[in-house]
Amino acid sequence: MDLNSPLFDRIRIKPTCEDAAGSTGPACERPGCTQPGLHRAPKGRRQEGQYWRFCMEHVREYNASYNYFAGMNDAAVQAFQKDAVIGHRPTWAMGVNGAAREAAKPDGQPNGKPGAKPDAANRDWDYVDPLGILRAAGVAPDRPGTKRAEPPRPRHTAPVRKALDVMGLDEGADAAAIKAQYKVLVKRFHPDANGGDRSFEDRLRDIIRAHDTLRAAGLC
């Protein structure tokens, strides 16, 4: 091979994607710098979503001195951090309806009645508040002598409810319905009813265990 051949002088190499990006990318925005600005740096508060373009050296220098809270006093910083927990969205106290409350003050007193609580309201409906959350917020004060309806409790335990679900029954199923459903399911998933196919054996075991659970609970 002749290394002095003029063919080597005509060889050209296509630039890679990285070389092309580096040559056409934005320049560093630090005055006097001619390096490519390949790194973004946030411009700061009230300019969210806007960025400077710096080279590696100057973006490190910028980040070392960057302070989002510059110009804010301690109270403003604390308020910002508190609002950041809820994404800076507005919130209202539970049970507060300012417009309705203001409209109900014909004589300058809350709800038009002297001595009434600000959040008290006359309602024609009742509710169950076992933890006292709504009552503490003043949505509707307790009336003396009024009993609160207890929330309905499940009729059965969790294992019993699961067993009924496995068998495709609701909680109101009686002993006769359980026995009849058990017979239907055993006949449907037994290998003898499927030409010796044992692919339904897991389902059959679940049904048998569910029936045993219901029988132990005295439901059948």
Protein backbone atom coordinates (compact mmCIF):
# COMPACT_ATOMS: atom_id res chain seq x y z
CA MET A 1 0.00 0.00 0.00
CA ASP A 2 1.30 3.41 -0.96
CA LEU A 3 0.68 5.74 1.99
CA ASN A 4 1.68 8.72 -0.14
CA SER A 5 -1.12 8.10 -2.64
CA PRO A 6 -3.24 11.18 -3.49
CA LEU A 7 -6.35 9.06 -2.80
CA PHE A 8 -5.83 9.61 0.93
CA ASP A 9 -6.09 13.37 0.44
CA ARG A 10 -9.60 13.02 -0.95
CA ILE A 11 -10.99 11.00 1.96
CA ARG A 12 -13.66 12.89 3.93
CA ILE A 13 -15.29 11.78 7.19
CA LYS A 14 -18.96 12.58 7.82
CA PRO A 15 -19.39 14.43 11.12
CA THR A 16 -21.22 12.55 13.88
CA CYS A 17 -24.49 13.73 15.45
CA GLU A 18 -22.65 14.96 18.53
CA ASP A 19 -20.21 17.00 16.44
CA ALA A 20 -23.05 18.53 14.45
CA ALA A 21 -25.00 19.41 17.60
CA GLY A 22 -21.94 20.97 19.17
CA SER A 23 -21.18 23.11 16.18
CA THR A 24 -24.74 24.40 15.67
CA GLY A 25 -25.91 24.65 19.28
CA PRO A 26 -26.44 27.89 21.20
CA ALA A 27 -23.42 29.74 22.52
CA CYS A 28 -22.75 30.27 26.21
CA GLU A 29 -24.62 33.37 27.43
CA ARG A 30 -21.86 34.40 29.82
CA PRO A 31 -20.41 37.65 28.38
CA GLY A 32 -17.09 37.02 26.70
CA CYS A 33 -17.46 33.22 26.55
CA THR A 34 -17.40 31.52 23.14
CA GLN A 35 -17.99 27.94 24.31
CA PRO A 36 -21.22 26.09 23.34
CA GLY A 37 -24.08 26.66 25.79
CA LEU A 38 -25.10 23.03 26.18
CA HIS A 39 -26.38 23.30 29.77
CA ARG A 40 -29.53 25.02 31.01
CA ALA A 41 -29.78 27.07 34.21
CA PRO A 42 -33.08 28.49 35.58
CA LYS A 43 -33.42 32.27 35.45
CA GLY A 44 -35.09 32.40 38.86
CA ARG A 45 -38.27 33.39 40.65
CA ARG A 46 -41.08 34.88 38.55
CA GLN A 47 -39.30 33.53 35.46
CA GLU A 48 -40.22 29.88 35.89
CA GLY A 49 -39.74 27.86 32.72
CA GLN A 50 -37.06 30.21 31.37
CA TYR A 51 -33.39 29.22 31.29
CA TRP A 52 -29.93 30.59 30.61
CA ARG A 53 -27.62 28.61 28.34
CA PHE A 54 -24.12 28.12 29.74
CA CYS A 55 -21.07 26.01 29.12
CA MET A 56 -20.04 23.49 31.77
CA GLU A 57 -17.68 25.87 33.58
CA HIS A 58 -20.14 28.74 33.80
CA VAL A 59 -23.20 26.63 34.65
CA ARG A 60 -21.31 25.26 37.65
CA GLU A 61 -20.38 28.79 38.67
CA TYR A 62 -23.99 29.93 38.27
CA ASN A 63 -25.43 27.00 40.24
CA ALA A 64 -23.00 27.56 43.10
CA SER A 65 -24.43 31.04 43.73
CA TYR A 66 -28.06 30.42 42.65
CA ASN A 67 -30.72 31.24 45.26
CA TYR A 68 -34.39 31.00 44.32
CA PHE A 69 -35.44 32.94 47.44
CA ALA A 70 -33.12 35.89 46.88
CA GLY A 71 -34.84 39.14 47.89
CA MET A 72 -37.47 37.43 50.11
CA ASN A 73 -37.63 37.90 53.88
CA ASP A 74 -37.97 34.99 56.30
CA ALA A 75 -41.76 35.32 56.59
CA ALA A 76 -42.18 35.23 52.81
CA VAL A 77 -39.92 32.17 52.53
CA GLN A 78 -41.89 30.33 55.24
CA ALA A 79 -45.20 31.20 53.56
CA PHE A 80 -43.86 29.97 50.21
CA GLN A 81 -42.69 26.68 51.72
CA LYS A 82 -46.05 26.18 53.46
CA ASP A 83 -47.98 26.78 50.24
CA ALA A 84 -45.63 24.46 48.33
CA VAL A 85 -47.06 21.50 50.30
CA ILE A 86 -50.43 21.96 48.53
CA GLY A 87 -48.98 23.05 45.21
CA HIS A 88 -49.76 26.76 45.82
CA ARG A 89 -53.49 26.08 45.33
CA PRO A 90 -56.15 27.99 47.31
CA THR A 91 -57.82 26.15 50.20
CA TRP A 92 -60.87 26.76 52.39
CA ALA A 93 -61.76 25.58 55.87
CA MET A 94 -64.04 22.55 55.93
CA GLY A 95 -67.71 23.47 56.05
CA VAL A 96 -67.17 27.15 55.32
CA ASN A 97 -69.55 28.81 52.87
CA GLY A 98 -68.77 32.50 53.04
CA ALA A 99 -71.34 33.67 50.50
CA ALA A 100 -74.23 31.87 52.16
CA ARG A 101 -73.12 32.98 55.60
CA GLU A 102 -72.89 36.65 54.65
CA ALA A 103 -76.31 36.51 52.99
CA ALA A 104 -77.84 35.22 56.23
CA LYS A 105 -76.93 38.34 58.31
CA PRO A 106 -79.88 40.77 58.01
CA ASP A 107 -79.22 42.37 61.40
CA GLY A 108 -75.43 42.13 61.46
CA GLN A 109 -75.42 38.97 63.59
CA PRO A 110 -74.26 35.53 62.40
CA ASN A 111 -77.24 33.73 60.85
CA GLY A 112 -79.42 36.66 61.87
CA LYS A 113 -79.52 35.44 65.51
CA PRO A 114 -77.67 37.04 68.41
CA GLY A 115 -75.15 34.68 69.95
CA ALA A 116 -75.28 32.16 67.12
CA LYS A 117 -72.08 30.50 65.97
CA PRO A 118 -70.68 31.86 62.69
CA ASP A 119 -70.77 28.49 60.94
CA ALA A 120 -74.04 27.25 62.43
CA ALA A 121 -76.84 26.64 59.93
CA ASN A 122 -80.41 25.44 60.08
CA ARG A 123 -80.65 22.24 58.06
CA ASP A 124 -83.52 19.93 57.26
CA TRP A 125 -81.29 16.87 56.93
CA ASP A 126 -79.21 14.75 59.28
CA TYR A 127 -75.88 12.99 58.87
CA VAL A 128 -73.65 10.45 60.58
CA ASP A 129 -70.43 11.95 61.95
CA PRO A 130 -68.91 9.35 64.31
CA LEU A 131 -65.50 11.08 64.40
CA GLY A 132 -66.97 14.54 64.96
CA ILE A 133 -65.17 16.06 61.96
CA LEU A 134 -68.14 17.99 60.60
CA ARG A 135 -69.31 18.91 64.10
CA ALA A 136 -65.89 20.33 64.96
CA ALA A 137 -65.93 22.40 61.76
CA GLY A 138 -69.33 23.85 62.70
CA VAL A 139 -71.21 22.48 59.72
CA ALA A 140 -74.23 21.64 61.86
CA PRO A 141 -74.21 21.83 65.67
CA ASP A 142 -75.59 18.97 67.73
CA ARG A 143 -79.18 19.32 68.79
CA PRO A 144 -79.90 18.29 72.40
CA GLY A 145 -81.76 15.02 72.62
CA THR A 146 -81.05 14.03 69.01
CA LYS A 147 -79.58 10.57 68.49
CA ARG A 148 -77.17 9.99 65.69
CA ALA A 149 -77.82 6.94 63.56
CA GLU A 150 -74.96 4.46 63.78
CA PRO A 151 -73.42 3.42 60.46
CA PRO A 152 -74.58 -0.05 59.39
CA ARG A 153 -72.11 -2.74 60.29
CA PRO A 154 -71.27 -5.66 57.97
CA ARG A 155 -73.44 -8.68 58.59
CA HIS A 156 -70.56 -11.11 58.23
CA THR A 157 -66.83 -11.29 58.84
CA ALA A 158 -64.32 -10.74 56.06
CA PRO A 159 -63.61 -14.50 55.52
CA VAL A 160 -67.35 -15.18 55.25
CA ARG A 161 -67.85 -12.35 52.77
CA LYS A 162 -64.92 -13.65 50.71
CA ALA A 163 -66.36 -17.18 50.75
CA LEU A 164 -69.73 -15.88 49.55
CA ASP A 165 -67.98 -13.99 46.77
CA VAL A 166 -66.10 -17.12 45.67
CA MET A 167 -69.40 -18.93 45.39
CA GLY A 168 -71.06 -16.04 43.56
CA LEU A 169 -73.53 -15.26 46.37
CA ASP A 170 -74.49 -12.03 48.11
CA GLU A 171 -74.60 -11.50 51.86
CA GLY A 172 -78.32 -12.16 52.00
CA ALA A 173 -78.00 -15.77 50.84
CA ASP A 174 -79.62 -18.29 53.19
CA ALA A 175 -78.65 -21.90 53.91
CA ALA A 176 -80.80 -23.31 51.10
CA ALA A 177 -79.28 -20.96 48.52
CA ILE A 178 -75.74 -21.80 49.68
CA LYS A 179 -76.32 -25.55 49.46
CA ALA A 180 -77.95 -25.31 46.04
CA GLN A 181 -75.14 -23.11 44.67
CA TYR A 182 -72.51 -25.45 46.10
CA LYS A 183 -74.02 -28.45 44.31
CA VAL A 184 -74.19 -26.55 41.02
CA LEU A 185 -70.57 -25.40 41.22
CA VAL A 186 -69.20 -28.82 42.22
CA LYS A 187 -70.95 -30.47 39.29
CA ARG A 188 -69.72 -27.76 36.92
CA PHE A 189 -66.02 -27.87 37.87
CA HIS A 190 -65.56 -31.54 38.83
CA PRO A 191 -63.20 -33.40 36.44
CA ASP A 192 -65.89 -36.06 35.80
CA ALA A 193 -68.13 -33.35 34.37
CA ASN A 194 -65.35 -32.08 32.11
CA GLY A 195 -64.23 -35.30 30.47
CA GLY A 196 -61.42 -35.83 32.98
CA ASP A 197 -59.99 -32.33 32.44
CA ARG A 198 -58.23 -31.30 35.68
CA SER A 199 -57.60 -27.69 34.73
CA PHE A 200 -60.50 -26.61 36.97
CA GLU A 201 -59.21 -28.35 40.10
CA ASP A 202 -57.92 -25.09 41.67
CA ARG A 203 -61.32 -23.50 41.20
CA LEU A 204 -62.98 -26.58 42.70
CA ARG A 205 -60.70 -26.44 45.76
CA ASP A 206 -61.59 -22.77 46.30
CA ILE A 207 -65.28 -23.62 46.18
CA ILE A 208 -64.88 -26.46 48.68
CA ARG A 209 -62.87 -24.24 51.07
CA ALA A 210 -65.48 -21.49 50.75
CA HIS A 211 -68.27 -23.93 51.56
CA ASP A 212 -66.34 -25.18 54.61
CA THR A 213 -65.94 -21.58 55.80
CA LEU A 214 -69.67 -20.88 55.45
CA ARG A 215 -70.52 -24.13 57.23
CA ALA A 216 -68.17 -23.30 60.09
CA ALA A 217 -69.88 -19.92 60.41
CA GLY A 218 -73.25 -21.70 60.76
CA LEU A 219 -74.70 -20.40 57.52
CA CYS A 220 -75.38 -23.81 55.98
